[in-house]
Amino acid sequence: MAEVDYKKYIKSNGKLNYQLLYEDLADITGFWHDVRRKSYYEAVTEWYKEYTSNDRDRSKNIKSVDHAE
C-alpha cells in the first residue's frame, strides 16, 4: 500500500472526516477493489483511534503535571 497522509482525514474540530475517506475509497477501483477498500478503511480508522488515544494520553499527562506544580 502506498504512503497515506492520514492527517488529511482530520477535520478542524479533530473529528475524522468520513466524507473525505469515503470519497477516496470510491476512487479505489480495479481488481480486488473491495479488499483494498477494506484495508484502506481499516488503516485510516485504526490510525485515527491511535491518534485520538495519544491525544487523551497527552492531556492526562499535562493535567497530572499541572497538579504537581
C-alpha atoms as a PDB file:
ATOM      1  CA  MET A   1       0.000   0.000   0.000  1.00  0.00           C
ATOM      2  CA  ALA A   2       1.256   3.481  -0.828  1.00  0.00           C
ATOM      3  CA  GLU A   3       2.044   6.063   1.832  1.00  0.00           C
ATOM      4  CA  VAL A   4      -1.110   7.646   3.216  1.00  0.00           C
ATOM      5  CA  ASP A   5      -1.400  11.206   4.519  1.00  0.00           C
ATOM      6  CA  TYR A   6      -3.664  10.264   7.408  1.00  0.00           C
ATOM      7  CA  LYS A   7      -3.873  13.792   8.792  1.00  0.00           C
ATOM      8  CA  LYS A   8      -5.807  14.920   5.728  1.00  0.00           C
ATOM      9  CA  TYR A   9      -8.742  12.996   7.197  1.00  0.00           C
ATOM     10  CA  ILE A  10      -8.816  15.096  10.361  1.00  0.00           C
ATOM     11  CA  LYS A  11     -11.336  17.942  10.400  1.00  0.00           C
ATOM     12  CA  SER A  12     -10.525  21.254  12.080  1.00  0.00           C
ATOM     13  CA  ASN A  13     -12.550  20.102  15.102  1.00  0.00           C
ATOM     14  CA  GLY A  14     -10.366  16.983  15.473  1.00  0.00           C
ATOM     15  CA  LYS A  15     -13.005  14.533  14.229  1.00  0.00           C
ATOM     16  CA  LEU A  16     -12.467  12.016  11.456  1.00  0.00           C
ATOM     17  CA  ASN A  17     -13.721  13.271   8.078  1.00  0.00           C
ATOM     18  CA  TYR A  18     -15.672  10.226   6.938  1.00  0.00           C
ATOM     19  CA  GLN A  19     -16.971  12.016   3.848  1.00  0.00           C
ATOM     20  CA  LEU A  20     -13.441  12.529   2.520  1.00  0.00           C
ATOM     21  CA  LEU A  21     -12.499   8.970   3.462  1.00  0.00           C
ATOM     22  CA  TYR A  22     -15.496   7.539   1.573  1.00  0.00           C
ATOM     23  CA  GLU A  23     -14.691   9.704  -1.457  1.00  0.00           C
ATOM     24  CA  ASP A  24     -11.157   8.320  -1.500  1.00  0.00           C
ATOM     25  CA  LEU A  25     -12.461   4.780  -1.063  1.00  0.00           C
ATOM     26  CA  ALA A  26     -14.714   5.261  -4.094  1.00  0.00           C
ATOM     27  CA  ASP A  27     -11.608   6.123  -6.138  1.00  0.00           C
ATOM     28  CA  ILE A  28     -10.156   2.667  -5.450  1.00  0.00           C
ATOM     29  CA  THR A  29     -11.181   0.582  -8.437  1.00  0.00           C
ATOM     30  CA  GLY A  30      -9.987  -2.447 -10.318  1.00  0.00           C
ATOM     31  CA  PHE A  31      -9.053  -5.934  -9.339  1.00  0.00           C
ATOM     32  CA  TRP A  32      -9.955  -6.802  -5.733  1.00  0.00           C
ATOM     33  CA  HIS A  33     -11.130  -3.239  -5.103  1.00  0.00           C
ATOM     34  CA  ASP A  34     -13.339  -4.399  -2.238  1.00  0.00           C
ATOM     35  CA  VAL A  35     -10.381  -5.956  -0.402  1.00  0.00           C
ATOM     36  CA  ARG A  36      -8.200  -2.898  -0.980  1.00  0.00           C
ATOM     37  CA  ARG A  37     -11.004  -0.534   0.137  1.00  0.00           C
ATOM     38  CA  LYS A  38     -11.493  -2.503   3.338  1.00  0.00           C
ATOM     39  CA  SER A  39      -7.760  -2.483   4.016  1.00  0.00           C
ATOM     40  CA  TYR A  40      -7.526   1.270   3.416  1.00  0.00           C
ATOM     41  CA  TYR A  41     -10.584   1.986   5.586  1.00  0.00           C
ATOM     42  CA  GLU A  42      -9.208  -0.119   8.423  1.00  0.00           C
ATOM     43  CA  ALA A  43      -5.784   1.525   8.175  1.00  0.00           C
ATOM     44  CA  VAL A  44      -7.260   5.032   8.425  1.00  0.00           C
ATOM     45  CA  THR A  45      -9.734   4.246  11.206  1.00  0.00           C
ATOM     46  CA  GLU A  46      -7.140   2.350  13.267  1.00  0.00           C
ATOM     47  CA  TRP A  47      -4.710   5.243  12.848  1.00  0.00           C
ATOM     48  CA  TYR A  48      -7.436   7.647  13.993  1.00  0.00           C
ATOM     49  CA  LYS A  49      -8.167   5.549  17.102  1.00  0.00           C
ATOM     50  CA  GLU A  50      -4.476   5.593  17.972  1.00  0.00           C
ATOM     51  CA  TYR A  51      -4.220   9.308  17.176  1.00  0.00           C
ATOM     52  CA  THR A  52      -7.114  10.210  19.495  1.00  0.00           C
ATOM     53  CA  SER A  53      -5.870   7.821  22.166  1.00  0.00           C
ATOM     54  CA  ASN A  54      -2.467   9.511  22.110  1.00  0.00           C
ATOM     55  CA  ASP A  55      -4.135  12.933  22.430  1.00  0.00           C
ATOM     56  CA  ARG A  56      -6.038  11.738  25.508  1.00  0.00           C
ATOM     57  CA  ASP A  57      -2.851  10.305  26.992  1.00  0.00           C
ATOM     58  CA  ARG A  58      -1.003  13.593  26.405  1.00  0.00           C
ATOM     59  CA  SER A  59      -3.796  15.627  28.004  1.00  0.00           C
ATOM     60  CA  LYS A  60      -3.770  13.309  31.043  1.00  0.00           C
ATOM     61  CA  ASN A  61      -0.028  13.819  31.359  1.00  0.00           C
ATOM     62  CA  ILE A  62      -0.399  17.576  31.081  1.00  0.00           C
ATOM     63  CA  LYS A  63      -3.102  17.618  33.747  1.00  0.00           C
ATOM     64  CA  SER A  64      -1.022  15.493  36.091  1.00  0.00           C
ATOM     65  CA  VAL A  65       1.951  17.823  35.599  1.00  0.00           C
ATOM     66  CA  ASP A  66      -0.248  20.875  36.270  1.00  0.00           C
ATOM     67  CA  HIS A  67      -1.478  19.342  39.537  1.00  0.00           C
ATOM     68  CA  ALA A  68       2.069  18.522  40.593  1.00  0.00           C
ATOM     69  CA  GLU A  69       3.223  22.122  40.336  1.00  0.00           C
END
